[in-house]
Amino acid sequence: MGELRIKKEDIIRALSTVEEPDLKKDLVTLNMIKDVELGVGEVRFTVVLTTPACPLKELIRQRCEDAIHTLVDPELRIVVNMTADVTTTAFGNKTILASVKNVIAIASGKGGVGKSTVTANLAIALKNAGAQVGILDADIYGPSIPVMFGAEDLQPTVTVIDGKNMINPILQYGIKMISMGFLVPADSPMVWRGPMASQALKQLMGDVNWGELDYLLIDLPPGTGDVHLTLVQSAPVTGAVIVTTPQKVALADAKKGLQMFMQPQINVPVLGIVENMAYFTPAELPENRYYLFGKGGGKWLAEHYELPFLGEIPLVQGIREAGDEGRPAATYTDSLTALAFQKTAEALAQQVAIRNATLEKTKRVEMTV
């Protein structure tokens, strides 16, 4: 077929045979094909992905090229531009976190499983993929995000917007973040009752000038308590991620954490399980894996509840060192750790896109507990 006789409609028809692997509909129906331009011997078009962290980017590109070569012209030169417009189920008129597309709660049943470490590094990995990302450190009593980002000495500024004082988040390594740790002296313990902690969280959500964000990761305190209920009552949460370690006691607590979100009156989708400290790998023997805390516990938990298993993060000395130095390990992009977090972040972004395409919008929880 000569290129002069090829029409835009031919290209669109060919691309309508390409299925988006996660959403199970074709790219044209999903409105993911834009700006089709025909030139001499070539066609250019844009595929708008549901997230810049799409793990199937190259597969989709290849399927587009194959469809056009098979159905239109095997000689045609194809230039595919891949961009992303992160999907959302947020209500456009909500007042709290109005400019945030996806609010993701990062939770664990018990403390000490590395939830803040996972939050910090997932945020960096999503940002590295091209997303706009923020972190709200909702662990009011033990905020650790400022330390992990080397920002504990920084203080947020305030901007007046529409007559209201709004706190500007701290920007570090491209991540917007806010934490009680920025607002209270580091040595002062938070001796607060539950209602005070809940009020503080509402202010961190409602009085912060977040700007446009694709993902806001909320680092929750361990367990299931006032702060968790306040979050689901104050903002529509896209979904929750449960962080666990492989051993039995952590899994028992992780079950409680995920069951809280699955309760009918809360009904926040669980996007998946992350297994942290899955195995130990010494830096000098990167091929060796030592399962110090047992093996496959997170994977078993995900299968048991029919939830996605988002990934396993190794126990590597560099992760701890990076956190203590105030530079999350995922910023060192070529490391074993960064790769583990990149894969986990891609799986998370994928689940957010599937959830937004297939489930109803999350409503704020109306409950009097």
Foldseek 3Di string as FASTA:
>chain_A
DALVPDDPVQLLVLQQVQADVQQRGGQVVVVQWDDWDGDHLEIEIEGAAQALLAPCVVVSVVSSLVSCCVRPNVRRHYHYHYHYDHAAQFDCPDQWPNQERAEEEEAFLDPDQCSLLLVVLLQLLSVVSPFQEEEEALAQQDGQLCQQQVNLPPAWDWDQDPNATATEFDAGSRYGYDYVSRVDPVPDGDPDDLVVSLVVSLCSGNRHPSHHGHYYYYHHHHRDDSNNLSVLQRGFHLAYEYEFEQADVRLVSRVRVVVVCVPPLRVGHHQFYEHEQQFEAEPVGNVDTHRPRDHDRRVVSCVVVVHDHLFYAHDYPVQVVSSNNNHGPLVVPPDPRVVRSSSSSNSSSSSSSSSSSPDHGGDRRDDDD
